[in-house]
């Protein structure tokens, strides 16, 4: 379908204005989207183009159309054409991006555009999964274990083999030093998530089962991982 097929239905869409909302409102928004039947939709109002929502909503069976009605006002219409279930394949969207418009609305637009170019631009040469691993190691180097854990979970959800994590941690031990690894990386949530994957695999758990476990233990419910 195309926007013209459901355009006349948009006045009846549930309108959700998320401008200025503090914290990670996405789980609640996603829950509402999952409950809507085929043939209904939502209108999201934001100060920037809500690019991070598009792929997630598409995964739930939605089409979208966005209108830029003012300098810092976007109306994104999502129409459900198929009742797809949440597979968890796209965990941990960049909820922290919603903090930037609180500082300055123009900064919010810049931050989202920067994120989109970095992670979604088709001109990028390195595979997405490789960039996640690079982001993981960069985060460790900067002492940002929260971010590093999120990148590990996303990398595994996108198909990275746990053997690749073996290589990553070996290189971290080499580059950061045994002492730093022992005192900072070993006790971290990042390494706990890695060990959980290895243990679950040892017990014969499938990737899908392990992904569920990761999101339960090392997803947004974990205060050492979530962003607000």
C-alpha atoms as a PDB file:
ATOM      1  CA  UNK A   1       0.000   0.000   0.000  1.00  0.00           C
ATOM      2  CA  UNK A   2       0.967   3.641  -0.245  1.00  0.00           C
ATOM      3  CA  UNK A   3       0.115   6.725   1.783  1.00  0.00           C
ATOM      4  CA  UNK A   4      -2.604   7.704  -0.687  1.00  0.00           C
ATOM      5  CA  UNK A   5      -4.445   4.450   0.138  1.00  0.00           C
ATOM      6  CA  UNK A   6      -4.884   5.362   3.801  1.00  0.00           C
ATOM      7  CA  UNK A   7      -4.427   9.123   3.837  1.00  0.00           C
ATOM      8  CA  UNK A   8      -8.130   9.751   4.463  1.00  0.00           C
ATOM      9  CA  UNK A   9      -7.948   7.693   7.677  1.00  0.00           C
ATOM     10  CA  UNK A  10      -5.277   9.809   9.383  1.00  0.00           C
ATOM     11  CA  UNK A  11      -7.737  12.204  11.125  1.00  0.00           C
ATOM     12  CA  UNK A  12      -8.940   9.235  13.195  1.00  0.00           C
ATOM     13  CA  UNK A  13      -5.432   8.157  14.229  1.00  0.00           C
ATOM     14  CA  UNK A  14      -4.525   8.295  17.897  1.00  0.00           C
ATOM     15  CA  UNK A  15      -2.307  11.350  18.325  1.00  0.00           C
ATOM     16  CA  UNK A  16       0.723  11.078  20.616  1.00  0.00           C
ATOM     17  CA  UNK A  17       2.722  14.261  21.176  1.00  0.00           C
ATOM     18  CA  UNK A  18       6.138  13.295  22.577  1.00  0.00           C
ATOM     19  CA  UNK A  19       7.725  16.733  22.353  1.00  0.00           C
ATOM     20  CA  UNK A  20       9.498  17.566  25.579  1.00  0.00           C
ATOM     21  CA  UNK A  21       8.825  14.192  27.210  1.00  0.00           C
ATOM     22  CA  UNK A  22      11.734  13.226  29.415  1.00  0.00           C
ATOM     23  CA  UNK A  23      13.001   9.665  29.702  1.00  0.00           C
ATOM     24  CA  UNK A  24      12.579   6.678  27.433  1.00  0.00           C
ATOM     25  CA  UNK A  25       8.969   6.777  26.276  1.00  0.00           C
ATOM     26  CA  UNK A  26       9.546   4.260  23.492  1.00  0.00           C
ATOM     27  CA  UNK A  27       8.516   1.059  25.378  1.00  0.00           C
ATOM     28  CA  UNK A  28       5.081   2.544  26.098  1.00  0.00           C
ATOM     29  CA  UNK A  29       4.750   3.779  22.528  1.00  0.00           C
ATOM     30  CA  UNK A  30       5.724   0.384  21.171  1.00  0.00           C
ATOM     31  CA  UNK A  31       3.195  -1.343  23.432  1.00  0.00           C
ATOM     32  CA  UNK A  32       0.417   0.861  22.045  1.00  0.00           C
ATOM     33  CA  UNK A  33       1.551   0.130  18.490  1.00  0.00           C
ATOM     34  CA  UNK A  34       1.509  -3.628  19.107  1.00  0.00           C
ATOM     35  CA  UNK A  35      -2.056  -3.461  20.414  1.00  0.00           C
ATOM     36  CA  UNK A  36      -3.512  -1.609  17.440  1.00  0.00           C
ATOM     37  CA  UNK A  37      -5.361  -3.799  14.908  1.00  0.00           C
ATOM     38  CA  UNK A  38      -4.728  -3.792  11.166  1.00  0.00           C
ATOM     39  CA  UNK A  39      -6.446  -0.824   9.564  1.00  0.00           C
ATOM     40  CA  UNK A  40      -5.729   1.635  12.366  1.00  0.00           C
ATOM     41  CA  UNK A  41      -2.827   3.970  13.009  1.00  0.00           C
ATOM     42  CA  UNK A  42      -0.966   6.441  15.183  1.00  0.00           C
ATOM     43  CA  UNK A  43       0.204  10.004  14.701  1.00  0.00           C
ATOM     44  CA  UNK A  44       3.460  10.856  16.467  1.00  0.00           C
ATOM     45  CA  UNK A  45       4.425  14.499  16.938  1.00  0.00           C
ATOM     46  CA  UNK A  46       8.102  15.201  17.574  1.00  0.00           C
ATOM     47  CA  UNK A  47      10.523  18.109  17.268  1.00  0.00           C
ATOM     48  CA  UNK A  48      12.708  16.140  14.841  1.00  0.00           C
ATOM     49  CA  UNK A  49      12.194  13.575  12.113  1.00  0.00           C
ATOM     50  CA  UNK A  50      11.615  10.401  14.217  1.00  0.00           C
ATOM     51  CA  UNK A  51      13.898   8.256  12.071  1.00  0.00           C
ATOM     52  CA  UNK A  52      14.679   5.696  14.818  1.00  0.00           C
ATOM     53  CA  UNK A  53      10.980   4.747  14.909  1.00  0.00           C
ATOM     54  CA  UNK A  54      10.634   3.844  11.259  1.00  0.00           C
ATOM     55  CA  UNK A  55      12.425   0.494  11.194  1.00  0.00           C
ATOM     56  CA  UNK A  56      10.843  -0.656  14.452  1.00  0.00           C
ATOM     57  CA  UNK A  57       7.326   0.241  13.349  1.00  0.00           C
ATOM     58  CA  UNK A  58       7.908  -1.392   9.973  1.00  0.00           C
ATOM     59  CA  UNK A  59       8.856  -4.543  11.865  1.00  0.00           C
ATOM     60  CA  UNK A  60       5.430  -4.429  13.538  1.00  0.00           C
ATOM     61  CA  UNK A  61       3.644  -4.170  10.191  1.00  0.00           C
ATOM     62  CA  UNK A  62       3.305  -0.399   9.807  1.00  0.00           C
ATOM     63  CA  UNK A  63       3.765   1.927   6.866  1.00  0.00           C
ATOM     64  CA  UNK A  64       4.653   5.539   7.568  1.00  0.00           C
ATOM     65  CA  UNK A  65       4.383   9.002   6.145  1.00  0.00           C
ATOM     66  CA  UNK A  66       5.984  12.063   7.743  1.00  0.00           C
ATOM     67  CA  UNK A  67       5.145  15.734   7.304  1.00  0.00           C
ATOM     68  CA  UNK A  68       7.508  18.540   8.301  1.00  0.00           C
ATOM     69  CA  UNK A  69       4.966  21.185   9.284  1.00  0.00           C
ATOM     70  CA  UNK A  70       7.284  23.659  11.047  1.00  0.00           C
ATOM     71  CA  UNK A  71      10.971  24.169  11.706  1.00  0.00           C
ATOM     72  CA  UNK A  72      10.928  21.896  14.756  1.00  0.00           C
ATOM     73  CA  UNK A  73       7.622  20.084  14.319  1.00  0.00           C
ATOM     74  CA  UNK A  74       7.203  16.755  12.563  1.00  0.00           C
ATOM     75  CA  UNK A  75       4.043  14.676  12.288  1.00  0.00           C
ATOM     76  CA  UNK A  76       4.716  11.001  11.561  1.00  0.00           C
ATOM     77  CA  UNK A  77       1.703   8.892  10.585  1.00  0.00           C
ATOM     78  CA  UNK A  78       1.927   5.134  11.067  1.00  0.00           C
ATOM     79  CA  UNK A  79      -0.697   2.858   9.519  1.00  0.00           C
ATOM     80  CA  UNK A  80      -0.843  -0.841  10.313  1.00  0.00           C
ATOM     81  CA  UNK A  81      -1.164  -2.985   7.209  1.00  0.00           C
ATOM     82  CA  UNK A  82      -0.068  -6.276   8.787  1.00  0.00           C
ATOM     83  CA  UNK A  83      -0.153  -7.649  12.335  1.00  0.00           C
ATOM     84  CA  UNK A  84       3.493  -8.601  12.715  1.00  0.00           C
ATOM     85  CA  UNK A  85       4.798  -9.598  16.119  1.00  0.00           C
ATOM     86  CA  UNK A  86       7.780  -8.074  17.848  1.00  0.00           C
ATOM     87  CA  UNK A  87      10.722 -10.384  17.152  1.00  0.00           C
ATOM     88  CA  UNK A  88      13.230  -8.513  19.290  1.00  0.00           C
ATOM     89  CA  UNK A  89      15.587  -8.300  16.312  1.00  0.00           C
ATOM     90  CA  UNK A  90      16.007  -4.549  16.768  1.00  0.00           C
ATOM     91  CA  UNK A  91      16.661  -4.091  20.474  1.00  0.00           C
ATOM     92  CA  UNK A  92      17.648  -0.915  22.252  1.00  0.00           C
ATOM     93  CA  UNK A  93      16.836   1.991  20.002  1.00  0.00           C
ATOM     94  CA  UNK A  94      18.782   5.229  20.676  1.00  0.00           C
ATOM     95  CA  UNK A  95      16.402   6.572  23.299  1.00  0.00           C
ATOM     96  CA  UNK A  96      19.014   9.024  24.574  1.00  0.00           C
ATOM     97  CA  UNK A  97      18.534  11.060  21.385  1.00  0.00           C
ATOM     98  CA  UNK A  98      15.338  12.434  22.898  1.00  0.00           C
ATOM     99  CA  UNK A  99      17.423  14.272  25.502  1.00  0.00           C
ATOM    100  CA  UNK A 100      18.953  16.643  22.966  1.00  0.00           C
ATOM    101  CA  UNK A 101      15.763  18.545  22.048  1.00  0.00           C
ATOM    102  CA  UNK A 102      15.363  19.344  25.753  1.00  0.00           C
ATOM    103  CA  UNK A 103      18.636  21.268  25.509  1.00  0.00           C
ATOM    104  CA  UNK A 104      17.916  22.811  22.120  1.00  0.00           C
ATOM    105  CA  UNK A 105      15.399  21.726  19.488  1.00  0.00           C
ATOM    106  CA  UNK A 106      17.831  22.384  16.645  1.00  0.00           C
ATOM    107  CA  UNK A 107      20.439  20.274  18.427  1.00  0.00           C
ATOM    108  CA  UNK A 108      17.885  17.470  18.556  1.00  0.00           C
ATOM    109  CA  UNK A 109      17.507  17.563  14.772  1.00  0.00           C
ATOM    110  CA  UNK A 110      21.290  17.551  14.303  1.00  0.00           C
ATOM    111  CA  UNK A 111      21.787  14.639  16.712  1.00  0.00           C
ATOM    112  CA  UNK A 112      19.192  12.455  14.959  1.00  0.00           C
ATOM    113  CA  UNK A 113      20.579  13.299  11.526  1.00  0.00           C
ATOM    114  CA  UNK A 114      24.108  12.450  12.731  1.00  0.00           C
ATOM    115  CA  UNK A 115      22.880   9.110  14.132  1.00  0.00           C
ATOM    116  CA  UNK A 116      21.077   8.340  10.864  1.00  0.00           C
ATOM    117  CA  UNK A 117      24.159   9.063   8.737  1.00  0.00           C
ATOM    118  CA  UNK A 118      26.388   7.009  11.029  1.00  0.00           C
ATOM    119  CA  UNK A 119      24.196   3.922  11.310  1.00  0.00           C
ATOM    120  CA  UNK A 120      21.747   3.898   8.394  1.00  0.00           C
ATOM    121  CA  UNK A 121      23.510   5.483   5.444  1.00  0.00           C
ATOM    122  CA  UNK A 122      23.871   3.018   2.564  1.00  0.00           C
ATOM    123  CA  UNK A 123      27.235   4.555   1.648  1.00  0.00           C
ATOM    124  CA  UNK A 124      28.886   3.030   4.721  1.00  0.00           C
ATOM    125  CA  UNK A 125      31.444   0.413   3.684  1.00  0.00           C
ATOM    126  CA  UNK A 126      31.786  -1.651   6.848  1.00  0.00           C
ATOM    127  CA  UNK A 127      28.918  -4.049   7.616  1.00  0.00           C
ATOM    128  CA  UNK A 128      26.555  -2.894  10.350  1.00  0.00           C
ATOM    129  CA  UNK A 129      27.634  -5.726  12.651  1.00  0.00           C
ATOM    130  CA  UNK A 130      31.310  -4.776  12.290  1.00  0.00           C
ATOM    131  CA  UNK A 131      30.509  -1.177  13.159  1.00  0.00           C
ATOM    132  CA  UNK A 132      28.704  -2.376  16.282  1.00  0.00           C
ATOM    133  CA  UNK A 133      31.856  -4.221  17.385  1.00  0.00           C
ATOM    134  CA  UNK A 134      33.968  -1.135  16.700  1.00  0.00           C
ATOM    135  CA  UNK A 135      31.531   0.959  18.680  1.00  0.00           C
ATOM    136  CA  UNK A 136      31.743  -1.590  21.509  1.00  0.00           C
ATOM    137  CA  UNK A 137      35.529  -1.385  21.707  1.00  0.00           C
ATOM    138  CA  UNK A 138      35.523   2.411  21.405  1.00  0.00           C
ATOM    139  CA  UNK A 139      33.048   2.569  24.280  1.00  0.00           C
ATOM    140  CA  UNK A 140      35.267   0.367  26.450  1.00  0.00           C
ATOM    141  CA  UNK A 141      38.255   2.572  25.657  1.00  0.00           C
ATOM    142  CA  UNK A 142      36.293   5.607  26.788  1.00  0.00           C
ATOM    143  CA  UNK A 143      35.093   3.849  29.949  1.00  0.00           C
ATOM    144  CA  UNK A 144      31.462   3.740  28.768  1.00  0.00           C
ATOM    145  CA  UNK A 145      30.494   0.201  29.794  1.00  0.00           C
ATOM    146  CA  UNK A 146      26.774   0.997  29.527  1.00  0.00           C
ATOM    147  CA  UNK A 147      27.129   1.739  25.827  1.00  0.00           C
ATOM    148  CA  UNK A 148      29.493  -1.199  25.298  1.00  0.00           C
ATOM    149  CA  UNK A 149      26.948  -3.605  26.792  1.00  0.00           C
ATOM    150  CA  UNK A 150      24.199  -2.283  24.545  1.00  0.00           C
ATOM    151  CA  UNK A 151      26.409  -2.714  21.476  1.00  0.00           C
ATOM    152  CA  UNK A 152      27.219  -6.309  22.448  1.00  0.00           C
ATOM    153  CA  UNK A 153      23.532  -7.165  22.846  1.00  0.00           C
ATOM    154  CA  UNK A 154      22.687  -5.537  19.512  1.00  0.00           C
ATOM    155  CA  UNK A 155      25.594  -7.271  17.764  1.00  0.00           C
ATOM    156  CA  UNK A 156      24.463 -10.680  18.997  1.00  0.00           C
ATOM    157  CA  UNK A 157      20.844  -9.942  18.040  1.00  0.00           C
ATOM    158  CA  UNK A 158      22.043  -9.058  14.525  1.00  0.00           C
ATOM    159  CA  UNK A 159      23.828 -12.378  14.061  1.00  0.00           C
ATOM    160  CA  UNK A 160      27.369 -11.913  15.363  1.00  0.00           C
ATOM    161  CA  UNK A 161      28.821 -15.249  16.438  1.00  0.00           C
ATOM    162  CA  UNK A 162      29.994 -15.436  20.042  1.00  0.00           C
ATOM    163  CA  UNK A 163      33.421 -16.506  18.741  1.00  0.00           C
ATOM    164  CA  UNK A 164      33.792 -12.949  17.430  1.00  0.00           C
ATOM    165  CA  UNK A 165      33.307 -11.697  20.981  1.00  0.00           C
ATOM    166  CA  UNK A 166      36.142 -14.011  22.054  1.00  0.00           C
ATOM    167  CA  UNK A 167      38.394 -12.146  19.633  1.00  0.00           C
ATOM    168  CA  UNK A 168      37.150  -8.765  20.836  1.00  0.00           C
ATOM    169  CA  UNK A 169      37.827  -9.484  24.501  1.00  0.00           C
ATOM    170  CA  UNK A 170      41.218 -10.961  23.704  1.00  0.00           C
ATOM    171  CA  UNK A 171      42.131  -7.740  21.900  1.00  0.00           C
ATOM    172  CA  UNK A 172      40.778  -5.663  24.768  1.00  0.00           C
ATOM    173  CA  UNK A 173      43.009  -7.576  27.165  1.00  0.00           C
ATOM    174  CA  UNK A 174      45.953  -6.956  24.860  1.00  0.00           C
ATOM    175  CA  UNK A 175      45.302  -3.274  24.237  1.00  0.00           C
ATOM    176  CA  UNK A 176      43.956  -2.242  27.633  1.00  0.00           C
ATOM    177  CA  UNK A 177      46.260  -4.416  29.712  1.00  0.00           C
ATOM    178  CA  UNK A 178      45.665  -7.359  32.030  1.00  0.00           C
ATOM    179  CA  UNK A 179      45.319  -5.109  35.074  1.00  0.00           C
ATOM    180  CA  UNK A 180      42.631  -2.908  33.519  1.00  0.00           C
ATOM    181  CA  UNK A 181      40.852  -5.941  32.119  1.00  0.00           C
ATOM    182  CA  UNK A 182      40.839  -7.637  35.526  1.00  0.00           C
ATOM    183  CA  UNK A 183      39.679  -4.626  37.541  1.00  0.00           C
ATOM    184  CA  UNK A 184      37.340  -2.862  35.095  1.00  0.00           C
ATOM    185  CA  UNK A 185      36.213  -5.102  32.246  1.00  0.00           C
ATOM    186  CA  UNK A 186      35.943  -8.440  34.056  1.00  0.00           C
ATOM    187  CA  UNK A 187      33.454  -7.223  36.713  1.00  0.00           C
ATOM    188  CA  UNK A 188      31.468  -5.097  34.249  1.00  0.00           C
ATOM    189  CA  UNK A 189      27.922  -5.643  32.978  1.00  0.00           C
ATOM    190  CA  UNK A 190      29.481  -5.973  29.530  1.00  0.00           C
ATOM    191  CA  UNK A 191      31.492  -9.029  30.523  1.00  0.00           C
ATOM    192  CA  UNK A 192      28.535 -10.468  32.440  1.00  0.00           C
ATOM    193  CA  UNK A 193      26.497 -10.359  29.232  1.00  0.00           C
ATOM    194  CA  UNK A 194      29.318 -12.038  27.323  1.00  0.00           C
ATOM    195  CA  UNK A 195      29.625 -14.797  29.932  1.00  0.00           C
ATOM    196  CA  UNK A 196      25.851 -15.308  29.906  1.00  0.00           C
ATOM    197  CA  UNK A 197      25.931 -15.895  26.146  1.00  0.00           C
ATOM    198  CA  UNK A 198      28.776 -18.410  26.455  1.00  0.00           C
ATOM    199  CA  UNK A 199      27.072 -20.260  29.306  1.00  0.00           C
ATOM    200  CA  UNK A 200      23.745 -20.440  27.495  1.00  0.00           C
ATOM    201  CA  UNK A 201      25.434 -21.754  24.351  1.00  0.00           C
ATOM    202  CA  UNK A 202      27.254 -24.371  26.432  1.00  0.00           C
ATOM    203  CA  UNK A 203      23.880 -25.555  27.671  1.00  0.00           C
ATOM    204  CA  UNK A 204      22.593 -25.888  24.117  1.00  0.00           C
ATOM    205  CA  UNK A 205      20.275 -22.890  24.063  1.00  0.00           C
ATOM    206  CA  UNK A 206      19.292 -21.513  20.666  1.00  0.00           C
ATOM    207  CA  UNK A 207      20.148 -17.998  19.484  1.00  0.00           C
ATOM    208  CA  UNK A 208      16.500 -16.962  19.814  1.00  0.00           C
ATOM    209  CA  UNK A 209      16.388 -18.217  23.407  1.00  0.00           C
ATOM    210  CA  UNK A 210      19.620 -16.403  24.220  1.00  0.00           C
ATOM    211  CA  UNK A 211      18.329 -13.184  22.656  1.00  0.00           C
ATOM    212  CA  UNK A 212      15.297 -13.318  24.953  1.00  0.00           C
ATOM    213  CA  UNK A 213      17.572 -13.876  27.937  1.00  0.00           C
ATOM    214  CA  UNK A 214      19.804 -10.957  26.938  1.00  0.00           C
ATOM    215  CA  UNK A 215      16.899  -8.554  26.646  1.00  0.00           C
ATOM    216  CA  UNK A 216      15.527  -9.732  30.005  1.00  0.00           C
ATOM    217  CA  UNK A 217      18.793  -9.479  31.909  1.00  0.00           C
ATOM    218  CA  UNK A 218      20.762  -6.890  29.947  1.00  0.00           C
ATOM    219  CA  UNK A 219      18.058  -4.818  28.275  1.00  0.00           C
ATOM    220  CA  UNK A 220      16.298  -1.649  29.347  1.00  0.00           C
ATOM    221  CA  UNK A 221      15.213  -3.186  32.665  1.00  0.00           C
ATOM    222  CA  UNK A 222      18.828  -3.351  33.778  1.00  0.00           C
ATOM    223  CA  UNK A 223      19.752  -0.042  35.477  1.00  0.00           C
ATOM    224  CA  UNK A 224      23.384  -0.477  34.367  1.00  0.00           C
ATOM    225  CA  UNK A 225      22.341  -0.672  30.716  1.00  0.00           C
ATOM    226  CA  UNK A 226      19.250   1.460  30.135  1.00  0.00           C
ATOM    227  CA  UNK A 227      19.407   5.059  29.033  1.00  0.00           C
ATOM    228  CA  UNK A 228      16.893   7.731  29.961  1.00  0.00           C
END
